[in-house]
Amino acid sequence: MSKIKGLKAFIGLITHGRHSQNTILSSANRTSSFSYQCLVRSVTTSEHTNGKISATVASDEKNGTGDSDQTASQKPVRGGPVSWLSLVLLIVTGGGLIVYYDKEKKRHIEGLKTSSSTVKQGPSVGTAAIGGPFKLVNHYGKTVTEKDFLGKWTLIYFGFTYCPDICPDELQKLAAAVDKIKAKSGMEVIPVFISVDPERDNVEQVHEYVKEFHPDLIGLTGTADEIRQVARAFRVYYMKTEEEGSDYLVDHSIVMYLMNPNMEFVKFFGKNYDANALTEGVIKEIKAG
């Protein structure tokens, strides 16, 4: 009897053990299955996401661009308070201003050169304030004033007897024009030479000088103050230069002034006029007056 109970107990233990074991295994299997499913879903989702990312990266790499490159190219480059575009515009504008200023400077210099070498024509409106009272001494030692020239057309040239080349050339032109004017129009024009070198051009020096050019040429000189006054009245520039003791030159205006019989200024003629042009110009002004 006891053997039978023992056998039942052993069978029951085995049966209960199997049941427990099956339960545990079943539970473990369910847990493992659930974990496996979660793991599969996780892996699948991860692979799906990674696939998209990989595809995007691959596409960007294929196109030669990436997120970092694209972001870098879209970002404005700022190296300071201004952008590169502003800096370029500033440089271009500055360069343009420099070029413009350089051109204007050259044009201004050329204008000054032209105005200094080309004689302007007479005033278009009114009469220039050139000429006025003066008192000098002629090459005979006689005191003369502007009144001694009333009633005559006069051509006046300012220079000095020690002039090496310009004054002789201009006086030869003046003498030739005076003769041509008389030959063409029958009108007499008095040529006048006024010295701007009172220190050396005394009466005797001027007398010897003017007779070399024309018998009608009148030479005038005077004191330093008298020469300064007449030069100011006729707007004549003169200045002593290259002084070496008693040997020096005088820089001065190279202009001839045409004065009417009332000793009023009519027109001036510069170095660019030759004898023929000077003749025609004076005749024209005389006829118009």
Protein backbone atom coordinates (compact mmCIF):
# COMPACT_ATOMS: atom_id res chain seq x y z
CA MET A 1 0.00 0.00 0.00
CA SER A 2 2.74 2.29 0.88
CA LYS A 3 4.42 1.43 -2.38
CA ILE A 4 1.29 2.40 -4.27
CA LYS A 5 1.12 5.80 -2.46
CA GLY A 6 4.75 6.33 -3.13
CA LEU A 7 4.24 5.58 -6.82
CA LYS A 8 1.29 7.98 -6.99
CA ALA A 9 3.32 10.63 -5.27
CA PHE A 10 6.19 10.08 -7.68
CA ILE A 11 3.82 10.20 -10.67
CA GLY A 12 2.16 13.32 -9.26
CA LEU A 13 5.52 14.98 -8.73
CA ILE A 14 6.55 14.20 -12.23
CA THR A 15 3.26 15.37 -13.61
CA HIS A 16 3.36 18.57 -11.57
CA GLY A 17 6.94 19.12 -12.52
CA ARG A 18 6.15 18.78 -16.19
CA HIS A 19 3.24 21.12 -15.84
CA SER A 20 5.36 23.66 -14.07
CA GLN A 21 8.10 23.24 -16.56
CA ASN A 22 5.70 23.60 -19.44
CA THR A 23 4.25 26.70 -17.87
CA ILE A 24 7.65 28.28 -17.39
CA LEU A 25 8.73 27.33 -20.86
CA SER A 26 5.50 28.58 -22.31
CA SER A 27 5.89 31.87 -20.47
CA ALA A 28 9.46 32.11 -21.53
CA ASN A 29 8.51 31.33 -25.05
CA ARG A 30 5.86 34.05 -25.02
CA THR A 31 8.32 36.58 -23.58
CA SER A 32 10.96 35.62 -26.06
CA SER A 33 8.48 35.81 -28.90
CA PHE A 34 7.33 39.27 -27.77
CA SER A 35 10.90 40.44 -27.36
CA TYR A 36 11.78 39.01 -30.72
CA GLN A 37 8.88 40.74 -32.36
CA CYS A 38 9.86 44.05 -30.75
CA LEU A 39 13.41 43.50 -31.78
CA VAL A 40 12.35 42.73 -35.35
CA ARG A 41 10.14 45.81 -35.45
CA SER A 42 12.94 47.90 -34.05
CA VAL A 43 15.44 46.57 -36.52
CA THR A 44 13.00 46.95 -39.38
CA THR A 45 12.22 50.55 -38.42
CA SER A 46 15.89 51.31 -37.96
CA GLU A 47 16.75 49.79 -41.27
CA HIS A 48 13.94 51.69 -42.93
CA THR A 49 15.10 54.98 -41.43
CA ASN A 50 18.71 54.24 -42.14
CA GLY A 51 17.75 53.34 -45.66
CA LYS A 52 16.17 56.73 -46.17
CA ILE A 53 19.16 58.49 -44.64
CA SER A 54 21.53 56.40 -46.69
CA ALA A 55 19.54 57.15 -49.81
CA THR A 56 19.60 60.87 -49.06
CA VAL A 57 23.32 60.81 -48.33
CA ALA A 58 23.94 58.79 -51.47
CA SER A 59 21.86 61.24 -53.51
CA ASP A 60 23.75 64.20 -52.05
CA GLU A 61 27.06 62.51 -52.67
CA LYS A 62 25.99 61.77 -56.22
CA ASN A 63 25.09 65.41 -56.76
CA GLY A 64 28.38 66.48 -55.22
CA THR A 65 26.75 68.27 -52.31
CA GLY A 66 26.20 67.51 -48.70
CA ASP A 67 24.35 69.00 -45.80
CA SER A 68 27.48 70.62 -44.45
CA ASP A 69 28.56 71.89 -47.89
CA GLN A 70 25.09 73.17 -48.68
CA THR A 71 24.88 74.94 -45.35
CA ALA A 72 28.34 76.43 -45.87
CA SER A 73 27.47 77.65 -49.37
CA GLN A 74 24.22 79.23 -48.21
CA LYS A 75 25.80 81.05 -45.30
CA PRO A 76 26.94 84.63 -46.16
CA VAL A 77 30.63 85.09 -45.68
CA ARG A 78 31.29 87.93 -43.30
CA GLY A 79 34.83 88.94 -42.65
CA GLY A 80 34.03 92.24 -41.02
CA PRO A 81 31.40 95.00 -40.83
CA VAL A 82 30.71 94.70 -44.58
CA SER A 83 30.05 91.76 -46.84
CA TRP A 84 32.30 90.71 -49.69
CA LEU A 85 29.86 92.24 -52.19
CA SER A 86 29.96 95.59 -50.39
CA LEU A 87 33.74 95.45 -50.30
CA VAL A 88 33.91 94.77 -54.04
CA LEU A 89 31.50 97.64 -54.77
CA LEU A 90 33.57 99.92 -52.56
CA ILE A 91 36.77 99.02 -54.39
CA VAL A 92 35.15 99.48 -57.81
CA THR A 93 33.67 102.84 -56.80
CA GLY A 94 36.98 104.01 -55.34
CA GLY A 95 38.83 102.96 -58.46
CA GLY A 96 36.31 104.78 -60.62
CA LEU A 97 36.71 107.94 -58.58
CA ILE A 98 40.50 107.74 -58.85
CA VAL A 99 40.32 107.30 -62.63
CA TYR A 100 37.82 110.15 -62.93
CA TYR A 101 39.96 112.43 -60.76
CA ASP A 102 43.07 111.55 -62.79
CA LYS A 103 41.28 112.35 -66.07
CA GLU A 104 39.94 115.62 -64.70
CA LYS A 105 43.37 116.57 -63.44
CA LYS A 106 44.96 115.89 -66.83
CA ARG A 107 42.16 117.81 -68.59
CA HIS A 108 42.66 120.76 -66.25
CA ILE A 109 46.42 120.79 -66.86
CA GLU A 110 45.90 120.60 -70.62
CA GLY A 111 43.42 123.46 -70.38
CA LEU A 112 45.97 125.58 -68.55
CA LYS A 113 48.61 124.80 -71.15
CA THR A 114 46.23 125.63 -73.98
CA SER A 115 45.08 128.87 -72.41
CA SER A 116 48.69 129.94 -71.82
CA SER A 117 49.80 129.15 -75.37
CA THR A 118 46.68 130.23 -77.28
CA VAL A 119 45.65 133.84 -77.37
CA LYS A 120 42.02 134.45 -76.65
CA GLN A 121 40.08 136.69 -78.93
CA GLY A 122 38.81 140.05 -77.85
CA PRO A 123 36.00 140.32 -75.28
CA SER A 124 32.56 139.44 -76.58
CA VAL A 125 30.76 141.94 -74.40
CA GLY A 126 32.00 145.37 -73.33
CA THR A 127 35.61 146.53 -73.25
CA ALA A 128 38.37 145.04 -71.13
CA ALA A 129 39.83 147.28 -68.45
CA ILE A 130 43.24 147.43 -70.14
CA GLY A 131 45.25 150.61 -70.53
CA GLY A 132 45.20 153.90 -68.70
CA PRO A 133 47.27 156.95 -67.85
CA PHE A 134 51.06 156.64 -67.83
CA LYS A 135 54.15 158.84 -67.96
CA LEU A 136 57.38 157.54 -69.49
CA VAL A 137 60.43 158.71 -71.44
CA ASN A 138 60.89 157.98 -75.14
CA HIS A 139 64.17 156.93 -76.78
CA TYR A 140 64.98 160.57 -77.39
CA GLY A 141 64.73 161.45 -73.71
CA LYS A 142 61.39 163.23 -74.02
CA THR A 143 58.63 162.70 -71.46
CA VAL A 144 55.48 161.30 -73.03
CA THR A 145 52.05 160.23 -71.76
CA GLU A 146 49.15 158.32 -73.21
CA LYS A 147 47.79 161.60 -74.54
CA ASP A 148 50.65 161.83 -77.06
CA PHE A 149 49.14 158.87 -78.90
CA LEU A 150 45.59 160.18 -79.23
CA GLY A 151 44.27 160.30 -82.79
CA LYS A 152 46.38 157.31 -83.92
CA TRP A 153 46.00 153.54 -83.96
CA THR A 154 48.77 152.05 -81.86
CA LEU A 155 50.33 148.60 -81.42
CA ILE A 156 52.16 148.28 -78.09
CA TYR A 157 54.62 145.53 -77.16
CA PHE A 158 56.29 145.04 -73.75
CA GLY A 159 59.81 143.54 -73.63
CA PHE A 160 63.44 144.29 -72.81
CA THR A 161 66.51 145.04 -74.91
CA TYR A 162 68.63 142.20 -73.49
CA CYS A 163 66.08 139.62 -74.56
CA PRO A 164 67.96 136.92 -76.52
CA ASP A 165 65.35 135.80 -79.04
CA ILE A 166 61.62 136.29 -78.33
CA CYS A 167 61.61 140.10 -78.23
CA PRO A 168 63.62 140.49 -81.45
CA ASP A 169 61.30 138.05 -83.23
CA GLU A 170 58.18 139.82 -82.01
CA LEU A 171 59.49 143.27 -82.91
CA GLN A 172 60.43 142.11 -86.41
CA LYS A 173 56.90 140.76 -86.81
CA LEU A 174 55.46 144.02 -85.52
CA ALA A 175 57.56 146.08 -87.93
CA ALA A 176 56.57 143.86 -90.90
CA ALA A 177 52.87 144.04 -89.99
CA VAL A 178 52.93 147.83 -89.73
CA ASP A 179 54.31 148.13 -93.27
CA LYS A 180 51.81 145.59 -94.64
CA ILE A 181 48.88 147.33 -92.96
CA LYS A 182 49.82 150.61 -94.59
CA ALA A 183 50.34 148.93 -97.96
CA LYS A 184 46.99 147.10 -97.87
CA SER A 185 44.69 149.62 -96.22
CA GLY A 186 46.58 152.90 -96.41
CA MET A 187 46.20 153.34 -92.66
CA GLU A 188 49.09 154.13 -90.36
CA VAL A 189 49.63 152.24 -87.14
CA ILE A 190 52.25 153.46 -84.65
CA PRO A 191 54.50 150.68 -83.25
CA VAL A 192 55.51 151.17 -79.61
CA PHE A 193 58.04 149.25 -77.50
CA ILE A 194 57.85 149.60 -73.67
CA SER A 195 60.73 148.23 -71.59
CA VAL A 196 60.09 146.09 -68.52
CA ASP A 197 63.77 146.24 -67.51
CA PRO A 198 64.27 149.77 -66.11
CA GLU A 199 67.55 148.82 -64.41
CA ARG A 200 69.41 148.32 -67.70
CA ASP A 201 67.18 149.87 -70.36
CA ASN A 202 68.06 153.53 -70.13
CA VAL A 203 67.32 156.05 -72.88
CA GLU A 204 70.55 155.38 -74.79
CA GLN A 205 70.13 151.60 -74.64
CA VAL A 206 66.53 151.80 -75.88
CA HIS A 207 67.50 154.24 -78.64
CA GLU A 208 70.13 151.87 -80.04
CA TYR A 209 67.74 149.00 -79.79
CA VAL A 210 64.61 150.31 -81.54
CA LYS A 211 66.41 151.70 -84.58
CA GLU A 212 67.37 148.14 -85.51
CA PHE A 213 63.73 147.22 -86.29
CA HIS A 214 61.76 150.12 -87.78
CA PRO A 215 62.25 153.87 -88.21
CA ASP A 216 58.79 154.57 -86.77
CA LEU A 217 59.19 152.30 -83.74
CA ILE A 218 58.94 154.35 -80.52
CA GLY A 219 60.85 153.06 -77.50
CA LEU A 220 59.69 153.96 -73.98
CA THR A 221 61.36 153.45 -70.61
CA GLY A 222 61.24 154.98 -67.15
CA THR A 223 61.83 154.41 -63.48
CA ALA A 224 60.95 151.19 -61.74
CA ASP A 225 57.76 152.74 -60.33
CA GLU A 226 56.72 154.16 -63.70
CA ILE A 227 57.25 150.83 -65.44
CA ARG A 228 55.35 149.05 -62.68
CA GLN A 229 52.41 151.45 -63.09
CA VAL A 230 52.10 151.09 -66.87
CA ALA A 231 52.51 147.31 -66.66
CA ARG A 232 49.72 147.16 -64.11
CA ALA A 233 47.47 149.32 -66.30
CA PHE A 234 47.96 146.96 -69.27
CA ARG A 235 47.79 143.79 -67.14
CA VAL A 236 51.34 142.83 -68.14
CA TYR A 237 53.28 140.27 -66.13
CA TYR A 238 57.05 140.61 -65.78
CA MET A 239 59.65 139.28 -63.32
CA LYS A 240 63.43 139.14 -63.18
CA THR A 241 64.78 135.56 -63.41
CA GLU A 242 68.09 133.69 -63.63
CA GLU A 243 70.03 136.50 -61.99
CA GLU A 244 73.82 136.20 -62.11
CA GLY A 245 75.19 139.56 -61.11
CA SER A 246 74.25 142.12 -63.78
CA ASP A 247 73.33 139.39 -66.25
CA TYR A 248 69.73 138.23 -65.99
CA LEU A 249 66.58 137.61 -67.99
CA VAL A 250 63.08 139.02 -67.53
CA ASP A 251 60.10 136.73 -67.82
CA HIS A 252 57.14 138.68 -69.26
CA SER A 253 53.88 138.50 -71.19
CA ILE A 254 54.29 138.05 -74.94
CA VAL A 255 51.36 140.13 -76.18
CA MET A 256 50.71 143.05 -78.52
CA TYR A 257 47.93 145.45 -77.61
CA LEU A 258 45.92 147.24 -80.29
CA MET A 259 44.70 150.62 -79.05
CA ASN A 260 42.25 152.82 -80.96
CA PRO A 261 42.72 156.60 -81.56
CA ASN A 262 41.18 157.26 -78.12
CA MET A 263 43.87 155.06 -76.54
CA GLU A 264 41.21 152.50 -75.65
CA PHE A 265 41.97 148.83 -75.76
CA VAL A 266 40.55 146.98 -78.79
CA LYS A 267 42.23 143.57 -78.98
CA PHE A 268 45.45 141.77 -78.14
CA PHE A 269 47.51 139.47 -80.35
CA GLY A 270 49.80 136.75 -79.05
CA LYS A 271 52.89 134.93 -80.18
CA ASN A 272 50.88 132.49 -82.28
CA TYR A 273 50.06 135.25 -84.81
CA ASP A 274 52.54 135.54 -87.65
CA ALA A 275 53.06 138.77 -89.59
CA ASN A 276 50.27 138.04 -92.09
CA ALA A 277 47.74 137.02 -89.44
CA LEU A 278 48.62 140.08 -87.39
CA THR A 279 48.18 142.31 -90.44
CA GLU A 280 44.77 140.89 -91.29
CA GLY A 281 43.64 141.00 -87.67
CA VAL A 282 44.57 144.66 -87.20
CA ILE A 283 42.99 145.70 -90.52
CA LYS A 284 39.78 143.90 -89.57
CA GLU A 285 39.59 145.66 -86.21
CA ILE A 286 40.35 149.06 -87.72
CA LYS A 287 37.59 148.67 -90.32
CA ALA A 288 35.15 147.45 -87.67
CA GLY A 289 36.00 150.44 -85.46
